[in-house]
N, C-alpha and C. Protein backbone atom coordinates (compact mmCIF):
# COMPACT_ATOMS: atom_id res chain seq x y z
N MET A 1 9.75 10.98 -9.89
CA MET A 1 9.56 9.55 -9.17
C MET A 1 10.40 8.82 -8.06
N THR A 2 9.61 8.52 -7.24
CA THR A 2 10.31 8.32 -5.90
C THR A 2 9.84 7.15 -5.50
N MET A 3 10.48 6.11 -4.61
CA MET A 3 9.98 4.58 -4.36
C MET A 3 8.71 5.03 -3.45
N ASN A 4 8.64 6.43 -2.99
CA ASN A 4 6.94 6.97 -2.28
C ASN A 4 6.18 6.76 -3.39
N ARG A 5 6.46 7.19 -4.22
CA ARG A 5 5.35 7.17 -5.50
C ARG A 5 4.91 5.66 -5.99
N VAL A 6 6.37 5.22 -5.99
CA VAL A 6 5.80 4.01 -6.23
C VAL A 6 5.13 3.33 -5.60
N ILE A 7 5.14 2.92 -4.33
CA ILE A 7 4.36 2.60 -3.24
C ILE A 7 2.53 3.00 -3.58
N HIS A 8 2.48 4.33 -3.56
CA HIS A 8 1.55 4.89 -3.66
C HIS A 8 0.52 4.48 -5.19
N GLY A 9 1.75 4.40 -6.33
CA GLY A 9 0.92 4.04 -7.39
C GLY A 9 0.23 2.59 -7.04
N ALA A 10 1.08 1.54 -6.08
CA ALA A 10 0.82 -0.13 -6.19
C ALA A 10 -0.74 0.15 -5.31
N VAL A 11 -0.55 1.01 -4.39
CA VAL A 11 -1.74 1.14 -3.21
C VAL A 11 -2.99 1.58 -4.09
N ARG A 12 -2.89 2.90 -4.85
CA ARG A 12 -3.81 3.04 -5.99
C ARG A 12 -4.42 1.76 -7.03
N ARG A 13 -3.60 1.06 -7.37
CA ARG A 13 -3.70 0.22 -8.37
C ARG A 13 -4.57 -0.72 -7.52
N ASP A 14 -4.51 -1.28 -6.44
CA ASP A 14 -5.16 -2.45 -5.56
C ASP A 14 -6.05 -2.04 -5.23
N LEU A 15 -6.43 -0.71 -4.91
CA LEU A 15 -7.90 -0.08 -4.62
C LEU A 15 -9.04 -0.21 -5.61
N ALA A 16 -8.36 0.26 -7.17
CA ALA A 16 -9.02 0.00 -8.25
C ALA A 16 -9.12 -1.13 -8.70
N ARG A 17 -8.58 -1.89 -8.24
CA ARG A 17 -8.67 -3.46 -8.68
C ARG A 17 -9.98 -4.08 -8.19
N LEU A 18 -9.59 -3.95 -6.70
CA LEU A 18 -10.93 -4.45 -5.79
C LEU A 18 -12.09 -3.96 -5.81
N THR A 19 -11.94 -2.54 -6.34
CA THR A 19 -13.27 -2.11 -6.66
C THR A 19 -14.11 -2.57 -7.60
N GLU A 20 -13.52 -2.56 -8.74
CA GLU A 20 -13.82 -3.52 -9.98
C GLU A 20 -14.07 -4.60 -10.00
N ALA A 21 -13.13 -5.35 -9.15
CA ALA A 21 -13.55 -7.00 -8.95
C ALA A 21 -15.01 -7.26 -7.93
N LEU A 22 -14.90 -6.56 -7.15
CA LEU A 22 -16.27 -6.20 -6.33
C LEU A 22 -17.37 -5.95 -7.21
N ASP A 23 -17.56 -4.99 -7.97
CA ASP A 23 -18.49 -4.67 -8.75
C ASP A 23 -19.26 -5.82 -10.00
N ARG A 24 -18.00 -6.75 -10.10
CA ARG A 24 -18.18 -7.81 -10.76
C ARG A 24 -18.56 -9.12 -10.03
N ALA A 25 -18.48 -8.63 -8.78
CA ALA A 25 -18.65 -10.33 -8.00
C ALA A 25 -19.91 -11.25 -8.22
N PRO A 26 -19.71 -12.27 -8.23
CA PRO A 26 -21.14 -12.83 -8.87
C PRO A 26 -21.09 -13.48 -7.49
N ASP A 27 -22.72 -13.53 -7.40
CA ASP A 27 -23.59 -13.69 -6.08
C ASP A 27 -23.41 -14.99 -5.60
N GLY A 28 -23.06 -15.33 -4.34
CA GLY A 28 -22.86 -16.66 -3.82
C GLY A 28 -21.52 -17.17 -3.68
N ASP A 29 -20.56 -16.49 -4.78
CA ASP A 29 -19.44 -17.37 -4.90
C ASP A 29 -18.64 -16.70 -3.64
N ARG A 30 -18.70 -17.75 -2.43
CA ARG A 30 -17.49 -17.65 -1.65
C ARG A 30 -16.30 -17.76 -2.06
N ALA A 31 -15.80 -18.86 -2.96
CA ALA A 31 -14.69 -19.04 -3.17
C ALA A 31 -13.83 -17.30 -3.62
N ARG A 32 -14.27 -17.07 -4.52
CA ARG A 32 -14.13 -15.59 -5.03
C ARG A 32 -14.18 -14.68 -3.82
N ALA A 33 -15.05 -14.50 -3.12
CA ALA A 33 -15.09 -13.59 -2.06
C ALA A 33 -13.84 -13.79 -1.31
N ARG A 34 -13.65 -14.85 -0.73
CA ARG A 34 -12.37 -15.09 0.43
C ARG A 34 -11.13 -14.89 -0.93
N GLN A 35 -11.16 -14.96 -1.85
CA GLN A 35 -9.96 -14.47 -2.87
C GLN A 35 -9.35 -13.25 -2.62
N LEU A 36 -11.32 -12.45 -3.01
CA LEU A 36 -10.79 -11.14 -2.64
C LEU A 36 -10.63 -10.26 -1.56
N GLN A 37 -10.97 -11.11 -0.34
CA GLN A 37 -10.49 -10.85 1.13
C GLN A 37 -9.02 -11.15 1.38
N GLN A 38 -8.62 -11.75 0.74
CA GLN A 38 -7.10 -11.87 0.90
C GLN A 38 -6.46 -11.06 0.39
N ALA A 39 -6.58 -10.82 -1.10
CA ALA A 39 -5.94 -9.50 -1.48
C ALA A 39 -5.94 -8.30 -0.98
N TYR A 40 -7.28 -7.89 0.04
CA TYR A 40 -7.49 -6.70 0.69
C TYR A 40 -6.64 -6.78 1.44
N ALA A 41 -6.58 -7.76 2.32
CA ALA A 41 -6.08 -8.27 3.33
C ALA A 41 -4.56 -7.80 3.10
N ASN A 42 -3.98 -8.17 2.20
CA ASN A 42 -2.24 -7.83 1.67
C ASN A 42 -2.33 -6.43 1.60
N LEU A 43 -3.22 -5.69 0.63
CA LEU A 43 -3.46 -4.15 0.55
C LEU A 43 -3.14 -3.37 2.17
N HIS A 44 -3.79 -4.04 2.96
CA HIS A 44 -4.24 -3.28 3.80
C HIS A 44 -2.62 -3.41 4.88
N ARG A 45 -2.04 -4.67 4.75
CA ARG A 45 -0.67 -4.84 5.65
C ARG A 45 0.35 -4.29 4.49
N GLN A 46 0.19 -4.44 3.65
CA GLN A 46 1.18 -3.03 2.93
C GLN A 46 1.05 -1.63 3.36
N LEU A 47 0.07 -1.39 3.14
CA LEU A 47 -0.34 0.25 3.44
C LEU A 47 0.04 0.61 4.87
N THR A 48 -0.04 -0.49 5.65
CA THR A 48 0.22 -0.30 7.11
C THR A 48 1.64 -0.14 7.38
N VAL A 49 2.38 -1.07 6.72
CA VAL A 49 3.91 -1.09 7.22
C VAL A 49 4.35 0.48 6.11
N HIS A 50 3.89 0.70 5.44
CA HIS A 50 4.33 1.73 4.71
C HIS A 50 4.41 3.07 5.32
N HIS A 51 3.18 3.06 6.08
CA HIS A 51 2.29 4.20 6.94
C HIS A 51 3.26 4.10 8.34
N GLU A 52 3.44 3.35 9.32
CA GLU A 52 3.96 2.89 10.34
C GLU A 52 5.40 3.20 10.01
N GLY A 53 6.07 3.16 9.13
CA GLY A 53 7.75 3.72 8.56
C GLY A 53 7.57 4.65 8.74
N GLU A 54 6.67 5.81 8.11
CA GLU A 54 6.69 7.28 7.94
C GLU A 54 6.75 7.50 9.43
N ASP A 55 5.94 7.10 10.14
CA ASP A 55 5.48 7.37 11.68
C ASP A 55 6.51 7.55 12.35
N GLU A 56 7.31 6.22 12.27
CA GLU A 56 8.52 5.67 12.99
C GLU A 56 9.50 6.94 12.84
N HIS A 57 9.91 6.78 11.74
CA HIS A 57 11.06 7.49 11.14
C HIS A 57 11.24 8.94 10.33
N VAL A 58 10.02 8.73 9.08
CA VAL A 58 10.21 10.00 8.47
C VAL A 58 10.00 10.94 9.07
N PHE A 59 8.67 10.81 9.78
CA PHE A 59 8.22 12.43 10.30
C PHE A 59 9.17 12.65 11.33
N PRO A 60 9.75 11.94 12.59
CA PRO A 60 10.46 12.19 13.24
C PRO A 60 11.57 13.10 12.86
N TRP A 61 12.31 12.91 11.64
CA TRP A 61 13.31 12.87 10.98
C TRP A 61 12.90 14.48 10.71
N LEU A 62 12.13 14.57 9.84
CA LEU A 62 11.51 15.44 9.32
C LEU A 62 11.23 16.60 10.44
N ALA A 63 11.20 16.73 11.67
CA ALA A 63 10.37 17.23 12.46
C ALA A 63 12.06 17.94 13.41
N SER A 64 13.20 17.20 12.91
CA SER A 64 14.31 17.34 13.34
C SER A 64 14.78 18.45 12.63
N GLU A 65 14.56 18.16 11.19
CA GLU A 65 14.97 19.19 10.46
C GLU A 65 14.15 20.39 10.61
N GLY A 66 13.24 20.95 11.56
CA GLY A 66 12.47 22.14 11.38
C GLY A 66 11.31 22.05 10.41
N ILE A 67 10.83 21.11 10.14
CA ILE A 67 9.60 21.09 9.09
C ILE A 67 8.10 21.45 9.99
N ASP A 68 7.66 22.31 9.68
CA ASP A 68 6.39 22.80 10.05
C ASP A 68 5.89 21.88 10.81
N ALA A 69 5.51 21.89 11.87
CA ALA A 69 4.61 21.05 13.43
C ALA A 69 2.99 20.63 12.67
N GLU A 70 2.67 21.78 12.13
CA GLU A 70 1.15 21.62 11.66
C GLU A 70 1.16 20.91 10.53
N LEU A 71 2.39 20.71 9.49
CA LEU A 71 1.85 20.08 8.94
C LEU A 71 2.09 18.14 8.77
N LEU A 72 3.09 18.11 9.79
CA LEU A 72 3.11 16.84 10.13
C LEU A 72 2.36 16.50 11.24
N GLY A 73 1.56 17.41 11.91
CA GLY A 73 0.19 16.83 12.67
C GLY A 73 -0.89 16.60 11.80
N ALA A 74 -0.67 17.37 10.76
CA ALA A 74 -2.07 16.75 9.77
C ALA A 74 -1.52 15.40 8.81
N MET A 75 -0.06 15.31 8.55
CA MET A 75 -0.18 13.61 8.53
C MET A 75 -0.60 12.85 9.50
N GLU A 76 -0.01 13.03 10.41
CA GLU A 76 -0.39 11.76 11.45
C GLU A 76 -1.79 11.45 11.54
N SER A 77 -2.51 12.73 11.51
CA SER A 77 -4.24 12.68 11.63
C SER A 77 -4.84 11.97 10.26
N GLU A 78 -4.09 11.86 9.35
CA GLU A 78 -4.46 11.56 8.11
C GLU A 78 -4.13 9.99 8.14
N HIS A 79 -3.19 9.77 8.23
CA HIS A 79 -2.41 8.10 8.71
C HIS A 79 -3.58 7.66 9.48
N GLU A 80 -4.18 8.43 10.74
CA GLU A 80 -5.50 7.64 11.80
C GLU A 80 -6.54 7.51 11.32
N ALA A 81 -6.50 8.55 10.20
CA ALA A 81 -8.15 8.27 9.29
C ALA A 81 -8.26 7.12 8.46
N MET A 82 -6.98 7.06 7.91
CA MET A 82 -6.43 5.96 7.11
C MET A 82 -6.93 4.44 7.98
N SER A 83 -6.06 4.54 8.94
CA SER A 83 -6.41 3.36 9.98
C SER A 83 -7.58 2.93 10.08
N ALA A 84 -8.54 3.94 10.61
CA ALA A 84 -10.07 3.55 10.97
C ALA A 84 -10.90 3.03 9.45
N ALA A 85 -10.25 4.09 8.45
CA ALA A 85 -11.33 3.48 6.85
C ALA A 85 -10.65 2.11 6.79
N LEU A 86 -9.47 1.77 6.86
CA LEU A 86 -8.96 0.38 6.35
C LEU A 86 -9.61 -0.27 7.34
N ALA A 87 -9.94 -0.28 8.76
CA ALA A 87 -10.05 -0.96 9.77
C ALA A 87 -11.99 -1.33 9.37
N ASP A 88 -12.77 -0.30 8.76
CA ASP A 88 -13.92 -0.49 8.56
C ASP A 88 -13.79 -1.63 7.50
N SER A 89 -13.30 -1.22 6.33
CA SER A 89 -13.05 -2.02 4.75
C SER A 89 -12.83 -3.57 5.22
N SER A 90 -11.57 -3.49 6.06
CA SER A 90 -11.39 -4.93 6.64
C SER A 90 -12.87 -5.44 7.01
N ALA A 91 -13.30 -5.23 7.78
CA ALA A 91 -14.62 -6.07 8.81
C ALA A 91 -15.52 -6.30 7.21
N ALA A 92 -15.78 -5.47 6.79
CA ALA A 92 -16.61 -5.27 5.49
C ALA A 92 -16.30 -6.43 4.32
N MET A 93 -14.91 -6.61 4.24
CA MET A 93 -14.68 -7.56 3.36
C MET A 93 -14.70 -8.99 3.97
N ALA A 94 -14.56 -9.10 5.33
CA ALA A 94 -14.55 -10.23 5.95
C ALA A 94 -16.07 -10.58 6.07
N ALA A 95 -16.83 -9.67 6.29
CA ALA A 95 -18.61 -10.54 6.40
C ALA A 95 -18.50 -10.65 4.66
N TYR A 96 -17.96 -10.04 3.65
CA TYR A 96 -18.20 -10.78 2.43
C TYR A 96 -17.63 -11.82 1.92
N GLY A 97 -16.29 -12.06 2.85
CA GLY A 97 -15.68 -13.37 2.75
C GLY A 97 -16.37 -14.49 3.22
N ARG A 98 -17.26 -14.55 4.13
CA ARG A 98 -17.78 -15.04 4.80
C ARG A 98 -19.17 -15.83 4.20
N THR A 99 -19.93 -15.22 3.52
CA THR A 99 -21.30 -14.90 2.54
C THR A 99 -20.98 -15.13 1.08
N GLY A 100 -20.31 -14.11 0.50
CA GLY A 100 -19.99 -14.43 -1.02
C GLY A 100 -21.17 -13.62 -1.78
N SER A 101 -22.23 -12.81 -0.86
CA SER A 101 -23.58 -12.55 -1.30
C SER A 101 -23.07 -11.43 -2.16
N ALA A 102 -24.38 -10.70 -2.86
CA ALA A 102 -23.93 -9.94 -3.54
C ALA A 102 -24.13 -8.64 -3.06
N ALA A 103 -24.94 -8.59 -1.76
CA ALA A 103 -25.12 -7.57 -1.14
C ALA A 103 -23.97 -6.98 -0.05
N ASP A 104 -23.59 -8.60 -0.13
CA ASP A 104 -22.13 -8.15 0.71
C ASP A 104 -21.16 -7.62 0.62
N ALA A 105 -21.27 -7.84 -0.89
CA ALA A 105 -19.90 -7.53 -2.13
C ALA A 105 -20.31 -5.90 -2.18
N ALA A 106 -21.59 -5.81 -2.19
CA ALA A 106 -22.05 -4.27 -2.70
C ALA A 106 -21.86 -3.42 -1.54
N ALA A 107 -22.01 -4.13 -0.08
CA ALA A 107 -21.35 -3.19 0.93
C ALA A 107 -20.18 -2.76 1.28
N ALA A 108 -19.26 -3.97 1.12
CA ALA A 108 -17.93 -4.00 1.10
C ALA A 108 -17.13 -2.91 -0.29
N ARG A 109 -17.68 -2.75 -1.80
CA ARG A 109 -17.52 -2.02 -2.47
C ARG A 109 -17.72 -0.37 -1.72
N ALA A 110 -18.61 -0.04 -1.70
CA ALA A 110 -19.14 1.41 -0.81
C ALA A 110 -18.21 1.66 0.28
N GLY A 111 -17.89 0.78 1.21
CA GLY A 111 -16.97 1.20 1.81
C GLY A 111 -15.42 1.01 1.59
N LEU A 112 -15.31 0.31 0.77
CA LEU A 112 -14.08 0.78 -0.32
C LEU A 112 -13.98 1.86 -0.59
N LEU A 113 -14.80 2.79 -1.53
CA LEU A 113 -14.84 3.84 -2.14
C LEU A 113 -14.88 4.89 -1.19
N HIS A 114 -14.92 4.95 -0.35
CA HIS A 114 -14.78 5.75 1.14
C HIS A 114 -13.38 5.52 1.51
N THR A 115 -12.94 4.24 1.82
CA THR A 115 -11.75 4.29 2.27
C THR A 115 -10.53 4.83 0.98
N THR A 116 -11.19 4.50 -0.03
CA THR A 116 -9.95 5.25 -1.47
C THR A 116 -10.35 6.76 -1.31
N GLU A 117 -11.09 7.13 -0.86
CA GLU A 117 -11.28 8.60 -0.73
C GLU A 117 -10.45 9.42 0.36
N VAL A 118 -10.65 8.43 1.52
CA VAL A 118 -9.75 8.49 2.57
C VAL A 118 -8.10 8.31 2.40
N VAL A 119 -7.94 7.46 1.65
CA VAL A 119 -6.47 7.41 1.52
C VAL A 119 -5.76 8.52 0.17
N GLU A 120 -6.48 8.66 -0.70
CA GLU A 120 -5.97 9.66 -1.83
C GLU A 120 -6.04 10.74 -1.65
N ARG A 121 -6.65 11.44 -0.08
CA ARG A 121 -6.92 12.68 0.04
C ARG A 121 -4.94 12.64 0.77
N HIS A 122 -5.03 11.82 1.66
CA HIS A 122 -3.78 11.42 2.26
C HIS A 122 -2.18 11.54 1.03
N LEU A 123 -2.47 10.76 0.00
CA LEU A 123 -1.62 10.51 -0.77
C LEU A 123 -1.42 11.78 -1.60
N THR A 124 -2.26 12.54 -1.89
CA THR A 124 -2.01 13.87 -2.74
C THR A 124 -1.70 14.77 -1.48
N HIS A 125 -1.92 14.75 -0.48
CA HIS A 125 -1.45 15.78 0.31
C HIS A 125 0.01 15.27 0.64
N GLU A 126 0.63 14.03 0.68
CA GLU A 126 1.75 13.92 1.05
C GLU A 126 2.53 14.24 -0.33
N GLU A 127 2.03 14.23 -1.48
CA GLU A 127 2.96 14.17 -2.45
C GLU A 127 2.67 15.62 -2.98
N HIS A 128 2.07 16.52 -2.69
CA HIS A 128 2.14 17.89 -2.77
C HIS A 128 2.98 18.63 -2.00
N ASP A 129 2.82 18.28 -0.48
CA ASP A 129 3.20 19.02 0.33
C ASP A 129 4.59 18.67 1.14
N LEU A 130 4.48 17.44 1.28
CA LEU A 130 5.60 16.98 2.11
C LEU A 130 6.83 16.17 1.08
N GLU A 131 6.65 15.57 0.06
CA GLU A 131 7.43 15.40 -0.70
C GLU A 131 8.56 16.35 -1.28
N PRO A 132 8.51 17.31 -1.71
CA PRO A 132 9.43 18.23 -2.14
C PRO A 132 10.10 18.82 -0.87
N MET A 133 9.86 18.37 0.42
CA MET A 133 11.01 18.60 1.38
C MET A 133 11.53 17.67 1.54
N ILE A 134 11.29 16.50 1.41
CA ILE A 134 11.64 15.28 1.18
C ILE A 134 13.27 15.06 0.07
N SER A 135 12.85 15.78 -0.89
CA SER A 135 13.52 15.61 -2.21
C SER A 135 14.46 16.51 -2.49
N ALA A 136 14.45 17.72 -1.67
CA ALA A 136 15.58 18.84 -1.50
C ALA A 136 16.38 18.13 -0.16
N ARG A 137 16.10 16.83 0.44
CA ARG A 137 17.56 16.77 1.53
C ARG A 137 17.69 15.13 0.87
N LEU A 138 17.28 14.89 -0.28
CA LEU A 138 17.65 13.14 -0.54
C LEU A 138 19.40 12.88 -0.35
N GLU A 139 19.95 13.69 -0.67
CA GLU A 139 21.67 13.40 -0.36
C GLU A 139 21.90 13.93 1.02
N SER A 140 21.40 14.25 1.57
CA SER A 140 21.81 14.70 3.11
C SER A 140 22.13 13.18 4.01
N PRO A 141 22.61 13.06 4.97
CA PRO A 141 23.12 12.31 5.86
C PRO A 141 21.92 11.39 6.90
N GLY A 142 21.47 12.74 6.90
CA GLY A 142 19.82 12.49 7.97
C GLY A 142 18.93 11.54 6.92
N TRP A 143 18.64 12.01 5.87
CA TRP A 143 17.72 11.28 4.84
C TRP A 143 18.35 9.52 4.48
N LYS A 144 19.70 9.40 4.10
CA LYS A 144 20.30 8.15 4.09
C LYS A 144 20.00 7.43 5.21
N SER A 145 20.05 8.00 6.31
CA SER A 145 20.02 6.98 7.72
C SER A 145 18.53 6.55 7.69
N VAL A 146 17.50 7.88 7.43
CA VAL A 146 16.14 7.21 7.42
C VAL A 146 16.05 6.11 6.23
N GLU A 147 16.39 6.08 5.38
CA GLU A 147 16.77 5.00 4.14
C GLU A 147 16.63 3.85 4.42
N LYS A 148 17.96 4.08 5.31
CA LYS A 148 18.53 2.63 5.73
C LYS A 148 17.62 1.94 6.90
N LYS A 149 16.83 2.34 7.75
CA LYS A 149 15.99 2.42 8.49
C LYS A 149 14.55 1.39 8.04
N LEU A 150 14.02 2.28 6.67
CA LEU A 150 13.17 1.83 5.96
C LEU A 150 13.17 0.43 5.47
N ARG A 151 14.59 0.38 5.02
CA ARG A 151 14.84 -0.78 4.41
C ARG A 151 15.25 -2.25 5.18
N ARG A 152 15.15 -1.73 6.59
CA ARG A 152 15.62 -2.74 7.22
C ARG A 152 14.41 -3.81 7.72
N GLN A 153 14.15 -5.00 6.85
CA GLN A 153 12.91 -5.57 6.97
C GLN A 153 13.24 -6.97 7.04
N PRO A 154 12.60 -7.61 7.50
CA PRO A 154 12.82 -9.47 7.58
C PRO A 154 12.53 -9.63 5.93
N PRO A 155 13.48 -10.67 5.55
CA PRO A 155 13.30 -11.41 4.28
C PRO A 155 12.04 -11.48 3.93
N ARG A 156 11.12 -12.22 4.86
CA ARG A 156 9.56 -12.75 4.38
C ARG A 156 9.11 -11.38 3.82
N THR A 157 8.98 -10.13 4.72
CA THR A 157 8.64 -8.90 4.64
C THR A 157 9.04 -8.06 3.43
N ALA A 158 9.77 -8.27 3.03
CA ALA A 158 10.95 -7.54 1.78
C ALA A 158 10.22 -8.37 0.66
N GLY A 159 10.24 -10.05 0.81
CA GLY A 159 10.16 -10.50 -0.49
C GLY A 159 8.64 -10.54 -1.01
N ARG A 160 7.89 -10.40 0.15
CA ARG A 160 6.19 -9.84 -0.05
C ARG A 160 6.36 -8.60 -0.44
N PHE A 161 6.63 -7.85 -0.26
CA PHE A 161 6.25 -6.46 -1.03
C PHE A 161 6.92 -6.04 -2.19
N PHE A 162 8.47 -6.89 -2.73
CA PHE A 162 8.22 -6.99 -3.82
C PHE A 162 7.73 -7.46 -4.84
N ALA A 163 7.17 -8.47 -4.41
CA ALA A 163 6.34 -9.59 -4.85
C ALA A 163 4.62 -8.35 -5.44
N TRP A 164 4.41 -7.95 -4.56
CA TRP A 164 3.38 -7.08 -4.61
C TRP A 164 3.48 -6.20 -5.35
N VAL A 165 4.46 -4.77 -4.86
CA VAL A 165 4.83 -3.81 -5.70
C VAL A 165 5.11 -3.90 -7.02
N THR A 166 5.43 -4.96 -7.91
CA THR A 166 5.63 -5.29 -8.92
C THR A 166 4.74 -5.42 -9.85
N ASP A 167 3.62 -6.01 -9.39
CA ASP A 167 2.45 -6.85 -9.82
C ASP A 167 1.81 -5.74 -10.49
N GLY A 168 1.88 -5.68 -12.08
CA GLY A 168 0.92 -4.57 -12.75
C GLY A 168 1.46 -3.25 -12.31
N MET A 169 3.31 -3.09 -12.13
CA MET A 169 3.36 -1.80 -12.22
C MET A 169 3.30 -1.04 -13.54
N GLY A 170 3.04 0.22 -13.47
CA GLY A 170 3.50 1.24 -15.14
C GLY A 170 4.86 1.17 -15.22
N ASP A 171 4.89 1.55 -16.67
CA ASP A 171 6.36 1.68 -17.10
C ASP A 171 7.06 2.82 -16.50
N ALA A 172 6.81 3.70 -15.77
CA ALA A 172 7.31 4.52 -15.32
C ALA A 172 7.62 4.52 -14.03
N GLU A 173 7.14 3.60 -13.66
CA GLU A 173 7.53 2.98 -11.85
C GLU A 173 8.45 1.87 -12.11
N ARG A 174 8.13 0.98 -13.20
CA ARG A 174 9.31 0.26 -13.38
C ARG A 174 10.30 0.73 -13.81
N SER A 175 10.34 1.59 -14.59
CA SER A 175 11.89 1.96 -15.12
C SER A 175 12.42 2.61 -13.68
N TYR A 176 11.76 3.40 -12.95
CA TYR A 176 12.62 3.20 -11.50
C TYR A 176 12.88 2.67 -10.83
N PHE A 177 12.05 1.62 -10.61
CA PHE A 177 12.41 0.72 -9.38
C PHE A 177 13.76 -0.30 -10.56
N ARG A 178 13.64 -0.41 -11.27
CA ARG A 178 14.98 -1.15 -11.80
C ARG A 178 16.14 -0.56 -11.49
N ALA A 179 16.20 0.93 -11.71
CA ALA A 179 17.29 1.98 -11.76
C ALA A 179 17.64 2.11 -10.10
N THR A 180 16.80 1.69 -9.36
CA THR A 180 17.09 1.66 -7.95
C THR A 180 17.06 0.91 -7.37
N VAL A 181 16.68 -0.62 -7.46
CA VAL A 181 16.82 -1.78 -6.96
C VAL A 181 17.35 -2.79 -8.24
N PRO A 182 18.80 -3.69 -8.01
CA PRO A 182 19.01 -4.34 -8.83
C PRO A 182 17.84 -5.26 -9.16
N PRO A 183 17.40 -5.40 -10.63
CA PRO A 183 16.16 -6.75 -11.00
C PRO A 183 16.71 -7.97 -10.17
N PRO A 184 18.28 -8.63 -10.02
CA PRO A 184 18.20 -10.03 -9.45
C PRO A 184 17.67 -9.98 -7.94
N VAL A 185 17.89 -8.87 -7.53
CA VAL A 185 17.43 -8.67 -5.76
C VAL A 185 15.86 -8.56 -5.84
N THR A 186 15.51 -8.12 -6.23
CA THR A 186 13.96 -7.92 -6.81
C THR A 186 13.27 -9.35 -6.88
N TYR A 187 13.95 -9.90 -8.03
CA TYR A 187 13.37 -11.19 -8.63
C TYR A 187 13.76 -12.48 -7.47
N GLY A 188 14.88 -12.27 -6.70
CA GLY A 188 14.90 -13.34 -5.84
C GLY A 188 14.16 -13.02 -4.32
N LEU A 189 14.31 -12.11 -3.93
CA LEU A 189 13.60 -12.03 -2.84
C LEU A 189 12.21 -12.17 -3.22
N ALA A 190 11.43 -11.75 -4.08
CA ALA A 190 9.95 -12.00 -4.38
C ALA A 190 9.69 -13.00 -4.68
N HIS A 191 10.51 -14.09 -5.36
CA HIS A 191 10.11 -15.48 -5.66
C HIS A 191 10.85 -16.44 -4.69
N THR A 192 11.43 -15.84 -3.46
CA THR A 192 12.05 -16.93 -2.42
C THR A 192 10.93 -16.73 -1.22
N PHE A 193 10.79 -15.46 -1.17
CA PHE A 193 10.19 -15.11 0.24
C PHE A 193 8.96 -14.61 0.12
N GLY A 194 8.45 -14.36 -1.38
CA GLY A 194 7.09 -13.41 -1.55
C GLY A 194 6.34 -14.46 -2.49
N ARG A 195 6.86 -16.03 -2.39
CA ARG A 195 6.05 -17.07 -2.87
C ARG A 195 4.62 -16.80 -2.59
N GLY A 196 4.48 -16.66 -1.42
CA GLY A 196 2.79 -16.56 -0.74
C GLY A 196 2.17 -15.75 -1.31
N TYR A 197 2.72 -14.74 -1.96
CA TYR A 197 1.66 -13.36 -2.50
C TYR A 197 1.03 -14.19 -4.06
N TYR A 198 2.20 -14.80 -4.53
CA TYR A 198 1.77 -15.24 -5.86
C TYR A 198 0.74 -16.40 -5.57
N LYS A 199 0.81 -16.72 -4.70
CA LYS A 199 0.06 -17.95 -4.29
C LYS A 199 -1.34 -17.77 -4.08
N ASP A 200 -1.26 -16.58 -2.97
CA ASP A 200 -2.50 -16.19 -2.74
C ASP A 200 -3.30 -15.29 -2.90
N VAL A 201 -2.55 -14.30 -3.80
CA VAL A 201 -3.27 -12.92 -3.87
C VAL A 201 -3.21 -12.69 -5.53
N ALA A 202 -1.95 -12.79 -6.09
CA ALA A 202 -1.91 -12.42 -7.25
C ALA A 202 -2.43 -13.05 -8.11
N PRO A 203 -3.53 -14.18 -7.84
CA PRO A 203 -4.32 -15.00 -8.73
C PRO A 203 -5.97 -14.12 -8.45
N ALA A 204 -6.16 -13.66 -7.88
CA ALA A 204 -7.03 -12.40 -7.93
C ALA A 204 -7.47 -11.42 -8.61
N TRP A 205 -6.04 -11.10 -9.28
CA TRP A 205 -6.68 -10.21 -10.65
C TRP A 205 -6.57 -10.84 -11.83
N ARG A 206 -6.32 -12.06 -11.71
CA ARG A 206 -6.47 -13.30 -12.54
C ARG A 206 -7.13 -13.88 -12.84
N PRO A 207 -8.63 -13.85 -12.35
CA PRO A 207 -9.80 -15.25 -12.08
C PRO A 207 -10.08 -15.65 -13.57
């Protein structure tokens, strides 16, 4: 288990929850549609922050470590494909949010299935081919420096991240997370600066 895999688990969890929710969405329920649109927007934002952090800090450091340029180029191309798919799903979710119609829910679900395929392709590739190279360098000064940069987030961003990533977290992820981040820190940031998540997003999973 790594923090990267904890985040990947949260992404997979939300994609599955959204797909299931869209499959059961009542026709014409615009309140429910807006709720699911907000939940998707949060996932989109969290995944974007995650892969932008990789683009800005992780991949350049790996390049400096002599990691295969072709592999890193593939990672960057997959990020671009993810961004395009996420943008398409964002437009489909916005259309559904405006109408709440069954037809728009079905279109959003179909788009989300495609987005899930694109995202999963990258997450699996990264876990199988890139993570072992990072794992071998976890104690290096270079990686420690990268970690500090990745963690350097405004309190509101960090709080919302903690609220999101722990909502529905599996046992293995929760055990790792508690051993990595002191629980009082997680709770304090999530319930102070991540309050908006509990108000605007979490109810989508418990309608």
